[in-house]
PDB file of N, CA and C in Angstrom:
ATOM      1  N   UNK A   1       0.811  -1.084  -0.120  1.00  0.00           N
ATOM      2  CA  UNK A   1      -0.167  -0.045  -0.045  1.00  0.00           C
ATOM      3  C   UNK A   1       0.987   1.139  -0.026  1.00  0.00           C
ATOM      4  N   UNK A   2       0.641   1.920  -0.865  1.00  0.00           N
ATOM      5  CA  UNK A   2       1.257   3.496  -1.023  1.00  0.00           C
ATOM      6  C   UNK A   2       0.747   4.444   0.108  1.00  0.00           C
ATOM      7  N   UNK A   3       1.443   4.593   1.216  1.00  0.00           N
ATOM      8  CA  UNK A   3       0.807   5.637   2.257  1.00  0.00           C
ATOM      9  C   UNK A   3       1.570   6.571   2.244  1.00  0.00           C
ATOM     10  N   UNK A   4       2.934   6.794   1.375  1.00  0.00           N
ATOM     11  CA  UNK A   4       3.379   8.115   1.681  1.00  0.00           C
ATOM     12  C   UNK A   4       2.992   9.331   0.759  1.00  0.00           C
ATOM     13  N   UNK A   5       2.647  10.106   1.460  1.00  0.00           N
ATOM     14  CA  UNK A   5       2.061  11.220   0.773  1.00  0.00           C
ATOM     15  C   UNK A   5       3.219  12.226  -0.133  1.00  0.00           C
ATOM     16  N   UNK A   6       2.451  13.258  -0.913  1.00  0.00           N
ATOM     17  CA  UNK A   6       3.326  14.200  -1.511  1.00  0.00           C
ATOM     18  C   UNK A   6       3.845  15.136  -0.724  1.00  0.00           C
ATOM     19  N   UNK A   7       4.941  15.683  -0.980  1.00  0.00           N
ATOM     20  CA  UNK A   7       5.556  16.519  -0.334  1.00  0.00           C
ATOM     21  C   UNK A   7       4.822  17.898  -0.299  1.00  0.00           C
ATOM     22  N   UNK A   8       4.843  19.023   0.753  1.00  0.00           N
ATOM     23  CA  UNK A   8       4.122  19.912   0.427  1.00  0.00           C
ATOM     24  C   UNK A   8       4.825  20.947  -0.233  1.00  0.00           C
ATOM     25  N   UNK A   9       5.800  20.717  -0.608  1.00  0.00           N
ATOM     26  CA  UNK A   9       6.286  21.678  -2.161  1.00  0.00           C
ATOM     27  C   UNK A   9       5.377  21.472  -3.117  1.00  0.00           C
ATOM     28  N   UNK A  10       5.174  19.971  -3.472  1.00  0.00           N
ATOM     29  CA  UNK A  10       4.287  19.749  -4.532  1.00  0.00           C
ATOM     30  C   UNK A  10       3.122  20.292  -4.376  1.00  0.00           C
ATOM     31  N   UNK A  11       2.231  19.821  -2.993  1.00  0.00           N
ATOM     32  CA  UNK A  11       1.365  20.054  -2.858  1.00  0.00           C
ATOM     33  C   UNK A  11       0.609  21.519  -3.321  1.00  0.00           C
ATOM     34  N   UNK A  12       1.769  22.697  -2.685  1.00  0.00           N
ATOM     35  CA  UNK A  12       1.081  23.742  -3.150  1.00  0.00           C
ATOM     36  C   UNK A  12       1.083  24.478  -4.622  1.00  0.00           C
ATOM     37  N   UNK A  13       2.197  23.681  -5.326  1.00  0.00           N
ATOM     38  CA  UNK A  13       2.023  23.962  -7.187  1.00  0.00           C
ATOM     39  C   UNK A  13       0.831  23.025  -7.397  1.00  0.00           C
ATOM     40  N   UNK A  14       0.001  22.380  -6.897  1.00  0.00           N
ATOM     41  CA  UNK A  14      -0.979  21.700  -7.665  1.00  0.00           C
ATOM     42  C   UNK A  14      -2.245  22.371  -7.742  1.00  0.00           C
ATOM     43  N   UNK A  15      -3.078  22.155  -8.743  1.00  0.00           N
ATOM     44  CA  UNK A  15      -4.108  23.008  -9.182  1.00  0.00           C
ATOM     45  C   UNK A  15      -5.151  22.225  -8.247  1.00  0.00           C
ATOM     46  N   UNK A  16      -6.595  23.022  -8.165  1.00  0.00           N
ATOM     47  CA  UNK A  16      -7.579  22.467  -7.455  1.00  0.00           C
ATOM     48  C   UNK A  16      -8.014  21.004  -7.789  1.00  0.00           C
ATOM     49  N   UNK A  17      -7.998  20.849  -9.215  1.00  0.00           N
ATOM     50  CA  UNK A  17      -8.772  19.598  -9.765  1.00  0.00           C
ATOM     51  C   UNK A  17      -7.532  18.181  -9.047  1.00  0.00           C
ATOM     52  N   UNK A  18      -6.309  18.630  -9.382  1.00  0.00           N
ATOM     53  CA  UNK A  18      -5.365  17.538  -9.087  1.00  0.00           C
ATOM     54  C   UNK A  18      -5.422  17.203  -7.733  1.00  0.00           C
ATOM     55  N   UNK A  19      -5.534  18.371  -6.683  1.00  0.00           N
ATOM     56  CA  UNK A  19      -5.754  17.979  -5.280  1.00  0.00           C
ATOM     57  C   UNK A  19      -7.191  17.017  -4.727  1.00  0.00           C
ATOM     58  N   UNK A  20      -8.080  17.502  -5.686  1.00  0.00           N
ATOM     59  CA  UNK A  20      -9.169  16.700  -5.357  1.00  0.00           C
ATOM     60  C   UNK A  20      -9.097  15.643  -5.928  1.00  0.00           C
ATOM     61  N   UNK A  21      -8.296  15.101  -7.095  1.00  0.00           N
ATOM     62  CA  UNK A  21      -8.394  13.847  -7.370  1.00  0.00           C
ATOM     63  C   UNK A  21      -7.325  13.133  -6.324  1.00  0.00           C
ATOM     64  N   UNK A  22      -6.264  13.675  -6.069  1.00  0.00           N
ATOM     65  CA  UNK A  22      -5.214  13.210  -5.112  1.00  0.00           C
ATOM     66  C   UNK A  22      -6.177  12.732  -3.887  1.00  0.00           C
ATOM     67  N   UNK A  23      -6.864  13.766  -3.453  1.00  0.00           N
ATOM     68  CA  UNK A  23      -7.649  13.701  -1.870  1.00  0.00           C
ATOM     69  C   UNK A  23      -8.603  12.528  -2.075  1.00  0.00           C
ATOM     70  N   UNK A  24      -9.186  12.077  -3.514  1.00  0.00           N
ATOM     71  CA  UNK A  24     -10.201  11.231  -3.683  1.00  0.00           C
ATOM     72  C   UNK A  24      -9.474   9.747  -3.643  1.00  0.00           C
ATOM     73  N   UNK A  25      -8.258   9.879  -4.378  1.00  0.00           N
ATOM     74  CA  UNK A  25      -7.611   8.634  -4.492  1.00  0.00           C
ATOM     75  C   UNK A  25      -7.080   8.204  -3.231  1.00  0.00           C
ATOM     76  N   UNK A  26      -6.817   8.941  -2.577  1.00  0.00           N
ATOM     77  CA  UNK A  26      -5.863   8.436  -1.113  1.00  0.00           C
ATOM     78  C   UNK A  26      -7.252   7.787  -0.520  1.00  0.00           C
ATOM     79  N   UNK A  27      -8.359   8.602  -0.167  1.00  0.00           N
ATOM     80  CA  UNK A  27      -9.697   8.174   0.325  1.00  0.00           C
ATOM     81  C   UNK A  27     -10.034   6.420  -0.141  1.00  0.00           C
ATOM     82  N   UNK A  28     -10.143   6.483  -1.564  1.00  0.00           N
ATOM     83  CA  UNK A  28     -10.543   5.240  -1.958  1.00  0.00           C
ATOM     84  C   UNK A  28      -9.373   4.199  -1.520  1.00  0.00           C
ATOM     85  N   UNK A  29      -8.059   4.275  -1.735  1.00  0.00           N
ATOM     86  CA  UNK A  29      -7.142   3.140  -1.179  1.00  0.00           C
ATOM     87  C   UNK A  29      -7.233   3.022   0.114  1.00  0.00           C
ATOM     88  N   UNK A  30      -7.442   3.809   1.048  1.00  0.00           N
ATOM     89  CA  UNK A  30      -7.635   3.475   2.580  1.00  0.00           C
ATOM     90  C   UNK A  30      -8.901   2.779   2.590  1.00  0.00           C
ATOM     91  N   UNK A  31     -10.067   3.040   2.050  1.00  0.00           N
ATOM     92  CA  UNK A  31     -11.249   2.263   2.156  1.00  0.00           C
ATOM     93  C   UNK A  31     -11.048   0.795   1.653  1.00  0.00           C
ATOM     94  N   UNK A  32     -10.582   0.493   0.799  1.00  0.00           N
ATOM     95  CA  UNK A  32     -10.369  -0.684  -0.124  1.00  0.00           C
ATOM     96  C   UNK A  32      -9.488  -1.396   0.580  1.00  0.00           C
ATOM     97  N   UNK A  33      -8.452  -0.779   1.125  1.00  0.00           N
ATOM     98  CA  UNK A  33      -7.556  -1.981   1.910  1.00  0.00           C
ATOM     99  C   UNK A  33      -8.515  -2.288   2.969  1.00  0.00           C
ATOM    100  N   UNK A  34      -9.176  -1.316   3.801  1.00  0.00           N
ATOM    101  CA  UNK A  34     -10.068  -1.642   5.040  1.00  0.00           C
ATOM    102  C   UNK A  34     -10.620  -2.590   4.643  1.00  0.00           C
ATOM    103  N   UNK A  35     -11.275  -2.865   3.598  1.00  0.00           N
ATOM    104  CA  UNK A  35     -12.340  -3.735   2.923  1.00  0.00           C
ATOM    105  C   UNK A  35     -11.629  -5.230   3.098  1.00  0.00           C
ATOM    106  N   UNK A  36     -10.392  -4.763   2.146  1.00  0.00           N
ATOM    107  CA  UNK A  36      -9.823  -6.225   1.717  1.00  0.00           C
ATOM    108  C   UNK A  36      -9.372  -6.854   3.137  1.00  0.00           C
ATOM    109  N   UNK A  37      -9.088  -6.062   4.219  1.00  0.00           N
ATOM    110  CA  UNK A  37      -8.697  -6.821   5.499  1.00  0.00           C
ATOM    111  C   UNK A  37      -9.476  -7.509   6.197  1.00  0.00           C
ATOM    112  N   UNK A  38     -11.220  -6.656   6.185  1.00  0.00           N
ATOM    113  CA  UNK A  38     -11.866  -7.321   6.719  1.00  0.00           C
ATOM    114  C   UNK A  38     -12.563  -8.483   6.009  1.00  0.00           C
ATOM    115  N   UNK A  39     -12.582  -8.798   4.466  1.00  0.00           N
ATOM    116  CA  UNK A  39     -13.076  -9.855   3.844  1.00  0.00           C
ATOM    117  C   UNK A  39     -12.102 -11.062   3.918  1.00  0.00           C
ATOM    118  N   UNK A  40     -10.963 -10.637   4.361  1.00  0.00           N
ATOM    119  CA  UNK A  40      -9.612 -11.954   4.358  1.00  0.00           C
ATOM    120  C   UNK A  40      -9.612 -12.481   5.801  1.00  0.00           C
ATOM    121  N   UNK A  41     -10.134 -11.245   6.765  1.00  0.00           N
ATOM    122  CA  UNK A  41      -9.929 -12.134   7.998  1.00  0.00           C
ATOM    123  C   UNK A  41     -11.445 -13.008   8.318  1.00  0.00           C
ATOM    124  N   UNK A  42     -12.630 -12.497   7.797  1.00  0.00           N
ATOM    125  CA  UNK A  42     -13.505 -13.088   7.711  1.00  0.00           C
ATOM    126  C   UNK A  42     -13.620 -14.545   7.111  1.00  0.00           C
ATOM    127  N   UNK A  43     -12.733 -14.675   5.761  1.00  0.00           N
ATOM    128  CA  UNK A  43     -12.259 -15.840   5.152  1.00  0.00           C
ATOM    129  C   UNK A  43     -11.360 -16.778   5.935  1.00  0.00           C
ATOM    130  N   UNK A  44     -10.691 -16.026   6.698  1.00  0.00           N
ATOM    131  CA  UNK A  44      -9.436 -17.134   7.324  1.00  0.00           C
ATOM    132  C   UNK A  44     -10.371 -17.579   8.477  1.00  0.00           C
ATOM    133  N   UNK A  45     -11.449 -16.687   9.352  1.00  0.00           N
ATOM    134  CA  UNK A  45     -11.899 -17.079  10.363  1.00  0.00           C
ATOM    135  C   UNK A  45     -12.871 -18.337  10.310  1.00  0.00           C
ATOM    136  N   UNK A  46     -13.839 -18.177   8.895  1.00  0.00           N
ATOM    137  CA  UNK A  46     -14.516 -19.348   8.373  1.00  0.00           C
ATOM    138  C   UNK A  46     -13.576 -20.211   8.150  1.00  0.00           C
ATOM    139  N   UNK A  47     -12.208 -20.360   7.340  1.00  0.00           N
ATOM    140  CA  UNK A  47     -11.814 -21.666   7.081  1.00  0.00           C
ATOM    141  C   UNK A  47     -11.244 -22.390   8.440  1.00  0.00           C
ATOM    142  N   UNK A  48     -10.826 -21.278   9.150  1.00  0.00           N
ATOM    143  CA  UNK A  48     -10.310 -22.446  10.278  1.00  0.00           C
ATOM    144  C   UNK A  48     -11.343 -22.748  11.105  1.00  0.00           C
ATOM    145  N   UNK A  49     -12.591 -22.264  11.178  1.00  0.00           N
ATOM    146  CA  UNK A  49     -13.846 -23.016  11.471  1.00  0.00           C
ATOM    147  C   UNK A  49     -14.043 -24.523  10.806  1.00  0.00           C
ATOM    148  N   UNK A  50     -14.142 -24.473   9.550  1.00  0.00           N
ATOM    149  CA  UNK A  50     -14.364 -25.740   8.739  1.00  0.00           C
ATOM    150  C   UNK A  50     -13.238 -26.572   8.943  1.00  0.00           C
ATOM    151  N   UNK A  51     -11.726 -26.354   9.157  1.00  0.00           N
ATOM    152  CA  UNK A  51     -11.149 -27.269   9.161  1.00  0.00           C
ATOM    153  C   UNK A  51     -11.313 -27.842  10.535  1.00  0.00           C
ATOM    154  N   UNK A  52     -11.896 -27.456  11.438  1.00  0.00           N
ATOM    155  CA  UNK A  52     -12.266 -28.380  12.860  1.00  0.00           C
ATOM    156  C   UNK A  52     -13.336 -29.492  12.923  1.00  0.00           C
ATOM    157  N   UNK A  53     -13.727 -29.118  11.647  1.00  0.00           N
ATOM    158  CA  UNK A  53     -15.062 -30.010  11.468  1.00  0.00           C
ATOM    159  C   UNK A  53     -14.403 -31.372  10.655  1.00  0.00           C
ATOM    160  N   UNK A  54     -14.527 -32.505  10.981  1.00  0.00           N
ATOM    161  CA  UNK A  54     -14.126 -33.610  10.326  1.00  0.00           C
ATOM    162  C   UNK A  54     -14.599 -33.844   8.810  1.00  0.00           C
ATOM    163  N   UNK A  55     -15.731 -33.652   8.236  1.00  0.00           N
ATOM    164  CA  UNK A  55     -16.411 -34.285   7.199  1.00  0.00           C
ATOM    165  C   UNK A  55     -17.123 -32.765   6.754  1.00  0.00           C
ATOM    166  N   UNK A  56     -16.830 -31.837   6.331  1.00  0.00           N
ATOM    167  CA  UNK A  56     -17.608 -30.626   6.107  1.00  0.00           C
ATOM    168  C   UNK A  56     -18.689 -30.782   4.666  1.00  0.00           C
ATOM    169  N   UNK A  57     -19.787 -30.298   4.957  1.00  0.00           N
ATOM    170  CA  UNK A  57     -20.773 -30.548   3.631  1.00  0.00           C
ATOM    171  C   UNK A  57     -20.054 -29.843   2.528  1.00  0.00           C
ATOM    172  N   UNK A  58     -20.819 -30.158   1.665  1.00  0.00           N
ATOM    173  CA  UNK A  58     -20.697 -29.433   0.066  1.00  0.00           C
ATOM    174  C   UNK A  58     -20.980 -27.716   0.336  1.00  0.00           C
ATOM    175  N   UNK A  59     -22.227 -27.577   0.737  1.00  0.00           N
ATOM    176  CA  UNK A  59     -22.309 -26.324   1.051  1.00  0.00           C
ATOM    177  C   UNK A  59     -21.558 -25.368   1.927  1.00  0.00           C
ATOM    178  N   UNK A  60     -20.920 -26.101   2.666  1.00  0.00           N
ATOM    179  CA  UNK A  60     -20.147 -25.534   3.964  1.00  0.00           C
ATOM    180  C   UNK A  60     -18.449 -25.205   2.881  1.00  0.00           C
ATOM    181  N   UNK A  61     -18.248 -26.338   2.117  1.00  0.00           N
ATOM    182  CA  UNK A  61     -16.867 -25.938   1.277  1.00  0.00           C
ATOM    183  C   UNK A  61     -17.054 -25.156   0.470  1.00  0.00           C
ATOM    184  N   UNK A  62     -18.368 -25.016  -0.122  1.00  0.00           N
ATOM    185  CA  UNK A  62     -18.707 -24.053  -1.247  1.00  0.00           C
ATOM    186  C   UNK A  62     -18.636 -22.518  -0.802  1.00  0.00           C
ATOM    187  N   UNK A  63     -19.037 -22.321   0.346  1.00  0.00           N
ATOM    188  CA  UNK A  63     -19.211 -21.173   1.196  1.00  0.00           C
ATOM    189  C   UNK A  63     -17.638 -20.471   1.510  1.00  0.00           C
ATOM    190  N   UNK A  64     -16.781 -21.579   2.042  1.00  0.00           N
ATOM    191  CA  UNK A  64     -15.401 -21.474   2.173  1.00  0.00           C
ATOM    192  C   UNK A  64     -14.973 -20.730   1.083  1.00  0.00           C
ATOM    193  N   UNK A  65     -15.235 -21.490  -0.083  1.00  0.00           N
ATOM    194  CA  UNK A  65     -14.301 -21.051  -1.575  1.00  0.00           C
ATOM    195  C   UNK A  65     -15.081 -19.706  -1.985  1.00  0.00           C
ATOM    196  N   UNK A  66     -15.786 -19.278  -1.688  1.00  0.00           N
ATOM    197  CA  UNK A  66     -16.677 -18.112  -2.235  1.00  0.00           C
ATOM    198  C   UNK A  66     -16.220 -17.028  -1.060  1.00  0.00           C
ATOM    199  N   UNK A  67     -16.034 -17.488  -0.123  1.00  0.00           N
ATOM    200  CA  UNK A  67     -15.156 -16.086   0.639  1.00  0.00           C
ATOM    201  C   UNK A  67     -13.816 -16.120   0.554  1.00  0.00           C
ATOM    202  N   UNK A  68     -13.142 -17.099   0.055  1.00  0.00           N
ATOM    203  CA  UNK A  68     -11.732 -17.172  -0.325  1.00  0.00           C
ATOM    204  C   UNK A  68     -11.774 -16.143  -1.828  1.00  0.00           C
ATOM    205  N   UNK A  69     -12.488 -16.335  -2.555  1.00  0.00           N
ATOM    206  CA  UNK A  69     -12.451 -15.762  -3.824  1.00  0.00           C
ATOM    207  C   UNK A  69     -12.687 -14.483  -3.483  1.00  0.00           C
ATOM    208  N   UNK A  70     -13.659 -13.769  -2.579  1.00  0.00           N
ATOM    209  CA  UNK A  70     -14.183 -12.416  -2.104  1.00  0.00           C
ATOM    210  C   UNK A  70     -12.839 -11.952  -1.920  1.00  0.00           C
ATOM    211  N   UNK A  71     -11.988 -12.587  -1.156  1.00  0.00           N
ATOM    212  CA  UNK A  71     -10.848 -12.110  -0.370  1.00  0.00           C
ATOM    213  C   UNK A  71      -9.747 -11.498  -1.241  1.00  0.00           C
ATOM    214  N   UNK A  72      -9.627 -12.661  -2.271  1.00  0.00           N
ATOM    215  CA  UNK A  72      -9.014 -12.102  -3.431  1.00  0.00           C
ATOM    216  C   UNK A  72      -9.489 -11.066  -4.626  1.00  0.00           C
ATOM    217  N   UNK A  73     -10.646 -11.225  -4.681  1.00  0.00           N
ATOM    218  CA  UNK A  73     -11.031 -10.043  -5.522  1.00  0.00           C
ATOM    219  C   UNK A  73     -11.074  -8.607  -5.041  1.00  0.00           C
ATOM    220  N   UNK A  74     -11.182  -8.761  -3.291  1.00  0.00           N
ATOM    221  CA  UNK A  74     -11.104  -7.273  -2.885  1.00  0.00           C
ATOM    222  C   UNK A  74      -9.710  -7.023  -2.886  1.00  0.00           C
ATOM    223  N   UNK A  75      -8.480  -7.655  -2.725  1.00  0.00           N
ATOM    224  CA  UNK A  75      -7.338  -7.678  -2.898  1.00  0.00           C
ATOM    225  C   UNK A  75      -7.012  -7.134  -4.362  1.00  0.00           C
ATOM    226  N   UNK A  76      -7.668  -7.770  -5.229  1.00  0.00           N
ATOM    227  CA  UNK A  76      -7.441  -6.946  -6.563  1.00  0.00           C
ATOM    228  C   UNK A  76      -7.713  -5.751  -6.830  1.00  0.00           C
ATOM    229  N   UNK A  77      -8.989  -5.339  -6.254  1.00  0.00           N
ATOM    230  CA  UNK A  77      -9.425  -4.077  -6.599  1.00  0.00           C
ATOM    231  C   UNK A  77      -8.686  -3.176  -5.793  1.00  0.00           C
ATOM    232  N   UNK A  78      -8.215  -3.521  -4.534  1.00  0.00           N
ATOM    233  CA  UNK A  78      -7.532  -2.722  -3.531  1.00  0.00           C
ATOM    234  C   UNK A  78      -6.212  -2.338  -4.358  1.00  0.00           C
ATOM    235  N   UNK A  79      -5.240  -3.189  -5.053  1.00  0.00           N
ATOM    236  CA  UNK A  79      -3.895  -2.977  -5.261  1.00  0.00           C
ATOM    237  C   UNK A  79      -4.493  -2.187  -6.887  1.00  0.00           C
ATOM    238  N   UNK A  80      -5.145  -2.592  -7.378  1.00  0.00           N
ATOM    239  CA  UNK A  80      -5.395  -1.924  -8.627  1.00  0.00           C
ATOM    240  C   UNK A  80      -5.716  -0.244  -8.437  1.00  0.00           C
ATOM    241  N   UNK A  81      -6.442   0.151  -7.249  1.00  0.00           N
ATOM    242  CA  UNK A  81      -6.276   1.638  -6.942  1.00  0.00           C
ATOM    243  C   UNK A  81      -4.992   1.932  -6.597  1.00  0.00           C
ATOM    244  N   UNK A  82      -4.599   1.395  -5.681  1.00  0.00           N
ATOM    245  CA  UNK A  82      -2.856   1.394  -5.437  1.00  0.00           C
ATOM    246  C   UNK A  82      -2.300   2.024  -6.460  1.00  0.00           C
ATOM    247  N   UNK A  83      -2.460   1.440  -7.619  1.00  0.00           N
ATOM    248  CA  UNK A  83      -1.510   1.548  -8.527  1.00  0.00           C
ATOM    249  C   UNK A  83      -2.014   2.528  -9.454  1.00  0.00           C
ATOM    250  N   UNK A  84      -3.026   2.570  -9.303  1.00  0.00           N
ATOM    251  CA  UNK A  84      -3.800   4.079  -9.927  1.00  0.00           C
ATOM    252  C   UNK A  84      -3.112   4.795  -9.160  1.00  0.00           C
ATOM    253  N   UNK A  85      -3.268   5.279  -7.818  1.00  0.00           N
ATOM    254  CA  UNK A  85      -2.895   6.319  -6.964  1.00  0.00           C
ATOM    255  C   UNK A  85      -1.269   6.660  -7.187  1.00  0.00           C
ATOM    256  N   UNK A  86      -0.171   5.445  -7.308  1.00  0.00           N
ATOM    257  CA  UNK A  86       1.069   4.959  -7.803  1.00  0.00           C
ATOM    258  C   UNK A  86       1.656   6.308  -9.231  1.00  0.00           C
ATOM    259  N   UNK A  87       0.522   5.768  -9.993  1.00  0.00           N
ATOM    260  CA  UNK A  87       0.822   6.362 -11.107  1.00  0.00           C
ATOM    261  C   UNK A  87       0.247   7.550 -11.212  1.00  0.00           C
ATOM    262  N   UNK A  88      -0.661   8.172 -10.541  1.00  0.00           N
ATOM    263  CA  UNK A  88      -1.123   9.573 -10.329  1.00  0.00           C
ATOM    264  C   UNK A  88       0.336  10.507  -9.657  1.00  0.00           C
ATOM    265  N   UNK A  89       0.544  10.054  -8.620  1.00  0.00           N
ATOM    266  CA  UNK A  89       1.723  10.715  -7.649  1.00  0.00           C
ATOM    267  C   UNK A  89       2.907  10.599  -8.781  1.00  0.00           C
ATOM    268  N   UNK A  90       3.193   9.851  -9.446  1.00  0.00           N
ATOM    269  CA  UNK A  90       4.787   9.964 -10.294  1.00  0.00           C
ATOM    270  C   UNK A  90       4.456  11.072 -11.128  1.00  0.00           C
ATOM    271  N   UNK A  91       3.475  10.651 -11.943  1.00  0.00           N
ATOM    272  CA  UNK A  91       2.917  11.887 -13.151  1.00  0.00           C
ATOM    273  C   UNK A  91       2.985  13.143 -12.417  1.00  0.00           C
ATOM    274  N   UNK A  92       2.407  13.636 -10.988  1.00  0.00           N
ATOM    275  CA  UNK A  92       2.535  14.666 -10.771  1.00  0.00           C
ATOM    276  C   UNK A  92       3.816  15.324 -10.197  1.00  0.00           C
ATOM    277  N   UNK A  93       4.619  14.104  -9.716  1.00  0.00           N
ATOM    278  CA  UNK A  93       6.214  14.310  -9.130  1.00  0.00           C
ATOM    279  C   UNK A  93       6.795  14.850 -10.427  1.00  0.00           C
ATOM    280  N   UNK A  94       6.799  14.296 -11.644  1.00  0.00           N
ATOM    281  CA  UNK A  94       7.521  14.503 -12.821  1.00  0.00           C
ATOM    282  C   UNK A  94       7.142  16.211 -13.350  1.00  0.00           C
ATOM    283  N   UNK A  95       5.888  16.036 -13.028  1.00  0.00           N
ATOM    284  CA  UNK A  95       5.227  17.615 -13.767  1.00  0.00           C
ATOM    285  C   UNK A  95       5.584  18.863 -12.791  1.00  0.00           C
ATOM    286  N   UNK A  96       5.599  18.633 -11.065  1.00  0.00           N
ATOM    287  CA  UNK A  96       6.406  19.616 -10.649  1.00  0.00           C
ATOM    288  C   UNK A  96       7.356  19.808 -10.002  1.00  0.00           C
ATOM    289  N   UNK A  97       8.217  18.853 -10.071  1.00  0.00           N
ATOM    290  CA  UNK A  97       9.764  18.463  -9.215  1.00  0.00           C
ATOM    291  C   UNK A  97      10.758  18.767 -10.582  1.00  0.00           C
TER     292      UNK A  97
END
Protein backbone atom coordinates (compact mmCIF):
# COMPACT_ATOMS: atom_id res chain seq x y z
CA UNK A 1 0.00 0.00 0.00
CA UNK A 2 1.30 3.38 -0.95
CA UNK A 3 0.88 5.43 2.20
CA UNK A 4 3.51 8.11 1.69
CA UNK A 5 2.08 11.51 0.85
CA UNK A 6 3.35 14.02 -1.64
CA UNK A 7 5.66 16.73 -0.27
CA UNK A 8 4.08 20.04 0.74
CA UNK A 9 6.18 21.82 -1.87
CA UNK A 10 4.51 19.75 -4.58
CA UNK A 11 1.03 20.07 -3.05
CA UNK A 12 1.23 23.87 -3.12
CA UNK A 13 1.98 23.83 -6.86
CA UNK A 14 -0.96 21.56 -7.73
CA UNK A 15 -4.22 23.04 -9.02
CA UNK A 16 -7.60 22.44 -7.38
CA UNK A 17 -8.61 19.60 -9.71
CA UNK A 18 -5.37 17.69 -9.09
CA UNK A 19 -5.67 18.13 -5.33
CA UNK A 20 -9.26 16.89 -5.41
CA UNK A 21 -8.28 13.82 -7.45
CA UNK A 22 -5.34 13.11 -5.15
CA UNK A 23 -7.48 13.31 -2.01
CA UNK A 24 -10.19 11.15 -3.59
CA UNK A 25 -7.66 8.48 -4.59
CA UNK A 26 -6.14 8.49 -1.08
CA UNK A 27 -9.58 7.97 0.50
CA UNK A 28 -10.52 5.22 -1.94
CA UNK A 29 -7.24 3.36 -1.39
CA UNK A 30 -7.67 3.50 2.40
CA UNK A 31 -11.28 2.34 2.13
CA UNK A 32 -10.45 -0.53 -0.23
CA UNK A 33 -7.55 -1.79 1.88
CA UNK A 34 -9.74 -1.71 5.00
CA UNK A 35 -12.44 -3.65 3.12
CA UNK A 36 -9.85 -6.14 1.86
CA UNK A 37 -8.58 -6.71 5.39
CA UNK A 38 -12.11 -7.25 6.70
CA UNK A 39 -13.03 -9.74 3.96
CA UNK A 40 -9.80 -11.71 4.30
CA UNK A 41 -10.17 -11.93 8.07
CA UNK A 42 -13.71 -13.29 7.70
CA UNK A 43 -12.51 -15.88 5.16
CA UNK A 44 -9.65 -16.94 7.42
CA UNK A 45 -11.95 -17.26 10.44
CA UNK A 46 -14.45 -19.37 8.51
CA UNK A 47 -11.68 -21.50 7.00
CA UNK A 48 -10.28 -22.29 10.45
CA UNK A 49 -13.77 -23.13 11.66
CA UNK A 50 -14.27 -25.52 8.72
CA UNK A 51 -10.86 -27.13 9.30
CA UNK A 52 -12.02 -28.27 12.74
CA UNK A 53 -14.96 -30.20 11.24
CA UNK A 54 -14.12 -33.78 10.22
CA UNK A 55 -16.34 -33.91 7.13
CA UNK A 56 -17.69 -30.51 6.07
CA UNK A 57 -20.73 -30.50 3.82
CA UNK A 58 -20.56 -29.42 0.20
CA UNK A 59 -22.39 -26.21 1.06
CA UNK A 60 -19.82 -25.37 3.75
CA UNK A 61 -16.95 -25.99 1.36
CA UNK A 62 -18.65 -23.91 -1.33
CA UNK A 63 -19.16 -21.04 1.14
CA UNK A 64 -15.50 -21.26 2.19
CA UNK A 65 -14.34 -21.10 -1.43
CA UNK A 66 -16.66 -18.16 -2.12
CA UNK A 67 -15.22 -16.28 0.85
CA UNK A 68 -11.67 -16.98 -0.33
CA UNK A 69 -12.54 -15.75 -3.82
CA UNK A 70 -14.11 -12.60 -2.35
CA UNK A 71 -10.88 -11.96 -0.46
CA UNK A 72 -8.81 -12.25 -3.63
CA UNK A 73 -11.25 -10.02 -5.51
CA UNK A 74 -11.04 -7.37 -2.80
CA UNK A 75 -7.24 -7.61 -2.87
CA UNK A 76 -7.21 -7.22 -6.67
CA UNK A 77 -9.32 -4.05 -6.58
CA UNK A 78 -7.40 -2.56 -3.66
CA UNK A 79 -4.05 -3.04 -5.40
CA UNK A 80 -5.47 -1.82 -8.71
CA UNK A 81 -6.55 1.45 -7.06
CA UNK A 82 -3.20 1.69 -5.28
CA UNK A 83 -1.44 1.36 -8.64
CA UNK A 84 -3.63 4.15 -9.99
CA UNK A 85 -2.65 6.36 -7.05
CA UNK A 86 1.05 5.54 -7.54
CA UNK A 87 0.84 6.42 -11.23
CA UNK A 88 -0.91 9.70 -10.43
CA UNK A 89 1.72 10.58 -7.83
CA UNK A 90 4.55 9.79 -10.22
CA UNK A 91 2.95 11.94 -12.93
CA UNK A 92 2.57 14.83 -10.48
CA UNK A 93 6.17 14.49 -9.30
CA UNK A 94 7.42 14.61 -12.88
CA UNK A 95 5.24 17.62 -13.61
CA UNK A 96 6.13 19.75 -10.57
CA UNK A 97 9.60 18.64 -9.46
